[in-house]
N, C-alpha and C. Protein backbone atom coordinates (compact mmCIF):
# COMPACT_ATOMS: atom_id res chain seq x y z
N MET A 1 74.30 47.04 11.00
CA MET A 1 74.48 48.46 11.52
C MET A 1 73.46 49.86 11.65
N ALA A 2 72.54 50.55 11.39
CA ALA A 2 71.77 51.49 10.90
C ALA A 2 73.04 52.72 11.67
N PRO A 3 73.60 53.60 11.04
CA PRO A 3 73.89 55.24 11.33
C PRO A 3 73.42 55.65 12.89
N ALA A 4 73.81 55.98 13.43
CA ALA A 4 73.92 57.66 14.58
C ALA A 4 72.95 58.20 13.60
N LYS A 5 72.88 59.17 12.43
CA LYS A 5 72.91 60.31 12.10
C LYS A 5 72.62 60.29 10.70
N SER A 6 71.81 61.17 9.46
CA SER A 6 72.98 60.56 8.27
C SER A 6 72.97 61.88 8.10
N MET A 7 73.57 61.56 7.27
CA MET A 7 75.25 62.43 6.29
C MET A 7 74.69 62.80 5.31
N VAL A 8 74.67 61.80 4.77
CA VAL A 8 74.08 61.83 2.92
C VAL A 8 73.77 62.76 2.79
N LYS A 9 74.87 62.90 1.07
CA LYS A 9 74.35 64.73 0.00
C LYS A 9 73.70 63.90 -0.81
N LYS A 10 73.53 65.33 -1.16
CA LYS A 10 71.97 65.62 -2.17
C LYS A 10 72.50 64.89 -3.52
N PRO A 11 71.72 63.93 -4.24
CA PRO A 11 71.70 63.53 -4.95
C PRO A 11 72.70 64.36 -6.45
N GLY A 12 73.97 63.58 -6.69
CA GLY A 12 74.25 64.96 -7.67
C GLY A 12 75.94 65.06 -7.55
N GLU A 13 76.03 64.39 -6.05
CA GLU A 13 76.86 64.91 -5.23
C GLU A 13 77.68 64.04 -4.54
N TRP A 14 78.97 64.03 -3.78
CA TRP A 14 79.64 62.67 -4.33
C TRP A 14 79.97 63.17 -2.45
N ASN A 15 79.83 61.71 -2.13
CA ASN A 15 79.83 61.10 -0.74
C ASN A 15 81.37 61.15 -0.39
N ARG A 16 81.74 61.23 1.03
CA ARG A 16 82.77 60.54 1.18
C ARG A 16 82.79 59.77 2.58
N CYS A 17 83.09 57.86 2.29
CA CYS A 17 83.15 57.49 3.75
C CYS A 17 84.57 56.60 3.87
N ALA A 18 84.77 56.63 5.09
CA ALA A 18 86.09 56.38 5.14
C ALA A 18 85.65 55.07 5.97
N ILE A 19 86.37 53.52 5.90
CA ILE A 19 85.00 52.38 7.07
C ILE A 19 86.51 52.00 7.90
N THR A 20 87.18 51.15 9.11
CA THR A 20 88.19 51.42 8.95
C THR A 20 87.68 49.88 9.82
N CYS A 21 88.47 48.82 9.39
CA CYS A 21 88.37 47.63 10.46
C CYS A 21 89.10 47.22 10.99
N LYS A 22 89.34 46.82 12.41
CA LYS A 22 90.49 47.07 13.14
C LYS A 22 90.03 45.08 14.13
N GLY A 23 90.58 44.12 13.33
CA GLY A 23 90.00 42.85 14.88
C GLY A 23 88.59 42.56 13.89
N ARG A 24 87.63 42.77 15.00
CA ARG A 24 86.45 42.80 15.09
C ARG A 24 85.72 43.98 14.94
N HIS A 25 86.34 45.37 15.18
CA HIS A 25 85.72 46.52 15.65
C HIS A 25 85.82 47.36 14.37
N ILE A 26 84.44 47.61 13.63
CA ILE A 26 84.18 48.21 12.73
C ILE A 26 84.36 50.25 13.10
N ASP A 27 84.91 51.13 12.21
CA ASP A 27 84.00 52.66 12.78
C ASP A 27 84.84 53.29 11.25
N VAL A 28 82.79 53.20 10.85
CA VAL A 28 82.65 54.90 9.69
C VAL A 28 82.66 55.70 9.53
N VAL A 29 82.83 56.14 9.07
CA VAL A 29 83.46 58.33 9.15
C VAL A 29 82.36 58.44 7.31
N LEU A 30 81.01 59.24 7.96
CA LEU A 30 80.70 59.62 6.12
C LEU A 30 80.98 61.38 6.42
N ASN A 31 81.40 61.25 4.79
CA ASN A 31 81.33 62.85 5.72
C ASN A 31 81.51 63.54 5.86
N GLY A 32 83.67 63.37 6.94
CA GLY A 32 83.92 63.69 7.85
C GLY A 32 83.45 63.50 9.20
N GLU A 33 82.33 62.68 9.90
CA GLU A 33 81.17 62.68 10.67
C GLU A 33 80.96 61.01 10.68
N HIS A 34 81.49 61.12 12.11
CA HIS A 34 81.75 59.46 12.65
C HIS A 34 80.53 59.08 12.72
N VAL A 35 80.09 58.81 11.82
CA VAL A 35 78.13 57.59 11.99
C VAL A 35 78.06 56.91 12.82
N THR A 36 78.58 55.49 12.64
CA THR A 36 78.29 54.37 13.34
C THR A 36 79.92 53.50 13.97
N SER A 37 79.98 53.18 14.59
CA SER A 37 80.82 51.74 15.37
C SER A 37 79.70 50.49 15.22
N MET A 38 80.64 49.36 15.26
CA MET A 38 79.89 47.69 15.80
C MET A 38 81.31 46.83 15.81
N ASP A 39 80.68 46.52 17.29
CA ASP A 39 82.01 45.21 17.64
C ASP A 39 81.22 43.77 17.10
N MET A 40 81.67 43.52 16.04
CA MET A 40 81.29 42.28 15.67
C MET A 40 81.37 41.14 16.66
N ALA A 41 82.41 41.07 17.38
CA ALA A 41 81.61 40.07 18.40
C ALA A 41 80.86 40.64 19.73
N LEU A 42 80.08 41.12 19.00
CA LEU A 42 78.78 40.47 20.10
C LEU A 42 77.59 40.19 18.99
N TRP A 43 77.96 40.30 18.24
CA TRP A 43 76.57 39.61 17.78
C TRP A 43 76.92 38.58 17.26
N THR A 44 76.52 37.70 17.88
CA THR A 44 76.64 35.92 18.56
C THR A 44 75.62 35.07 18.02
N GLU A 45 74.86 35.95 17.59
CA GLU A 45 73.21 35.07 17.73
C GLU A 45 72.79 35.18 15.52
N LYS A 46 72.82 35.04 15.55
CA LYS A 46 72.67 34.52 13.45
C LYS A 46 70.73 35.44 13.49
N GLY A 47 70.90 35.90 12.96
CA GLY A 47 69.41 37.16 12.95
C GLY A 47 69.08 37.26 14.43
N LYS A 48 70.37 37.88 15.22
CA LYS A 48 69.84 38.87 16.31
C LYS A 48 70.04 40.12 16.74
N ASN A 49 70.22 41.01 16.97
CA ASN A 49 70.84 41.97 17.73
C ASN A 49 71.57 42.28 19.31
N PRO A 50 72.25 42.05 19.50
CA PRO A 50 73.00 42.14 20.59
C PRO A 50 72.01 42.45 21.75
N ASP A 51 70.60 42.85 21.51
CA ASP A 51 69.82 43.77 22.16
C ASP A 51 68.97 42.05 22.82
N GLY A 52 68.73 41.76 21.44
CA GLY A 52 68.29 40.42 20.99
C GLY A 52 67.22 40.80 20.31
N SER A 53 67.19 42.10 20.00
CA SER A 53 65.62 42.43 18.26
C SER A 53 65.95 41.82 17.22
N THR A 54 64.92 41.17 16.57
CA THR A 54 65.33 40.85 15.67
C THR A 54 66.02 41.51 14.78
N VAL A 55 66.84 41.00 13.43
CA VAL A 55 67.25 41.27 12.19
C VAL A 55 67.29 40.80 10.82
N PRO A 56 66.52 41.32 9.97
CA PRO A 56 66.60 39.72 8.49
C PRO A 56 67.95 38.55 8.96
N SER A 57 68.14 37.83 8.56
CA SER A 57 68.74 37.09 8.61
C SER A 57 69.10 36.47 7.46
N TRP A 58 70.09 37.66 7.05
CA TRP A 58 70.61 36.87 5.06
C TRP A 58 72.09 36.33 5.47
N LEU A 59 73.03 36.63 6.67
CA LEU A 59 73.67 35.04 6.81
C LEU A 59 74.18 33.72 7.34
N SER A 60 74.34 33.26 6.27
CA SER A 60 74.13 32.24 7.30
C SER A 60 74.77 31.13 8.29
N ARG A 61 75.83 32.45 9.56
CA ARG A 61 76.79 32.42 10.55
C ARG A 61 76.72 33.69 11.37
N PRO A 62 76.66 33.84 12.40
CA PRO A 62 76.21 34.93 13.19
C PRO A 62 77.78 36.41 12.79
N ALA A 63 77.29 36.72 13.22
CA ALA A 63 78.81 37.98 12.59
C ALA A 63 80.52 38.25 13.56
N ALA A 64 79.76 37.46 14.90
CA ALA A 64 80.91 36.79 15.28
C ALA A 64 81.68 36.52 14.41
N GLU A 65 81.36 35.15 14.16
CA GLU A 65 81.89 34.15 13.39
C GLU A 65 82.80 34.30 12.58
N LEU A 66 81.81 35.48 11.25
CA LEU A 66 82.86 36.56 9.97
C LEU A 66 84.45 36.28 9.60
N GLU A 67 85.38 35.17 9.10
CA GLU A 67 85.93 35.88 8.70
C GLU A 67 86.40 37.81 9.00
N THR A 68 87.48 37.63 8.95
CA THR A 68 88.43 39.53 9.55
C THR A 68 89.13 39.69 8.91
N LYS A 69 89.50 38.30 7.54
CA LYS A 69 90.53 38.88 6.69
C LYS A 69 89.86 38.19 5.12
N GLY A 70 90.27 38.35 3.51
CA GLY A 70 88.86 38.16 2.54
C GLY A 70 89.04 39.16 1.99
N ARG A 71 87.62 38.62 0.75
CA ARG A 71 87.16 40.12 -0.20
C ARG A 71 86.72 40.85 0.06
N ILE A 72 86.72 41.82 -0.41
CA ILE A 72 86.09 43.42 0.00
C ILE A 72 84.84 42.63 -0.99
N GLY A 73 83.58 43.50 -1.35
CA GLY A 73 82.72 43.54 -2.30
C GLY A 73 82.54 44.67 -1.70
N PHE A 74 80.71 45.79 -2.71
CA PHE A 74 80.33 47.00 -3.05
C PHE A 74 78.84 46.85 -3.11
N GLN A 75 78.24 46.94 -2.10
CA GLN A 75 76.76 47.34 -2.84
C GLN A 75 76.26 47.93 -2.91
N GLY A 76 75.50 48.16 -3.84
CA GLY A 76 74.78 48.77 -4.20
C GLY A 76 73.25 49.17 -5.03
N LYS A 77 73.08 50.34 -5.55
CA LYS A 77 71.99 49.92 -7.09
C LYS A 77 70.54 49.87 -6.29
N HIS A 78 69.95 50.72 -5.64
CA HIS A 78 68.89 50.52 -4.26
C HIS A 78 68.11 50.82 -5.13
N ALA A 79 67.47 49.97 -5.28
CA ALA A 79 65.20 50.49 -6.25
C ALA A 79 66.01 50.50 -7.79
N ALA A 80 65.88 51.35 -8.96
CA ALA A 80 65.90 51.81 -10.33
C ALA A 80 67.66 52.93 -9.46
N ALA A 81 67.89 52.91 -8.68
CA ALA A 81 68.77 54.18 -8.64
C ALA A 81 70.57 54.09 -8.71
N PRO A 82 70.82 54.68 -10.14
CA PRO A 82 73.05 53.64 -10.55
C PRO A 82 73.45 54.85 -9.30
N ILE A 83 74.18 53.66 -9.51
CA ILE A 83 76.26 54.07 -8.30
C ILE A 83 77.22 54.02 -8.97
N PHE A 84 77.71 54.85 -7.97
CA PHE A 84 78.81 55.48 -8.64
C PHE A 84 80.15 54.98 -7.70
N PHE A 85 80.39 55.22 -7.86
CA PHE A 85 82.70 54.30 -7.20
C PHE A 85 83.50 55.11 -7.71
N ARG A 86 84.06 56.43 -6.79
CA ARG A 86 85.22 56.44 -7.78
C ARG A 86 86.30 57.19 -6.62
N ASN A 87 87.50 56.74 -6.72
CA ASN A 87 88.45 57.60 -5.27
C ASN A 87 88.91 56.10 -4.45
N ILE A 88 88.44 54.89 -5.00
CA ILE A 88 88.86 53.60 -4.05
C ILE A 88 90.00 53.77 -3.36
N ARG A 89 89.69 53.79 -2.11
CA ARG A 89 91.63 53.75 -2.18
C ARG A 89 92.01 52.40 -0.78
N ILE A 90 92.46 50.69 -0.52
CA ILE A 90 92.16 50.07 0.22
C ILE A 90 93.64 49.72 0.76
N LYS A 91 94.05 49.81 2.67
CA LYS A 91 95.75 50.14 2.42
C LYS A 91 95.13 48.45 4.33
N GLN A 92 96.05 48.55 3.75
CA GLN A 92 96.48 47.24 5.22
C GLN A 92 97.06 47.90 6.49
N LEU A 93 96.51 48.12 7.41
CA LEU A 93 96.39 48.85 9.14
C LEU A 93 97.85 47.68 9.21
């Protein structure tokens, strides 16, 4: 889900991101600004947004059917740009 606005800092500056997942609800705060929320329960059809528009279908099932517990993965390195992580903290709610 795309953010409501871009809060990404310039290259060379660290971004601070807080992601809160509670049940099927996800909130993302980037650099102190709430940028997006998602209720996974609304994504009931593979490859479609709740409004019916299509999205790239990279999951084998809709988000509403995904587990809410499990492994955490980090995604990055778009194109040739390197990506770095620091001070990662994970806590159970």
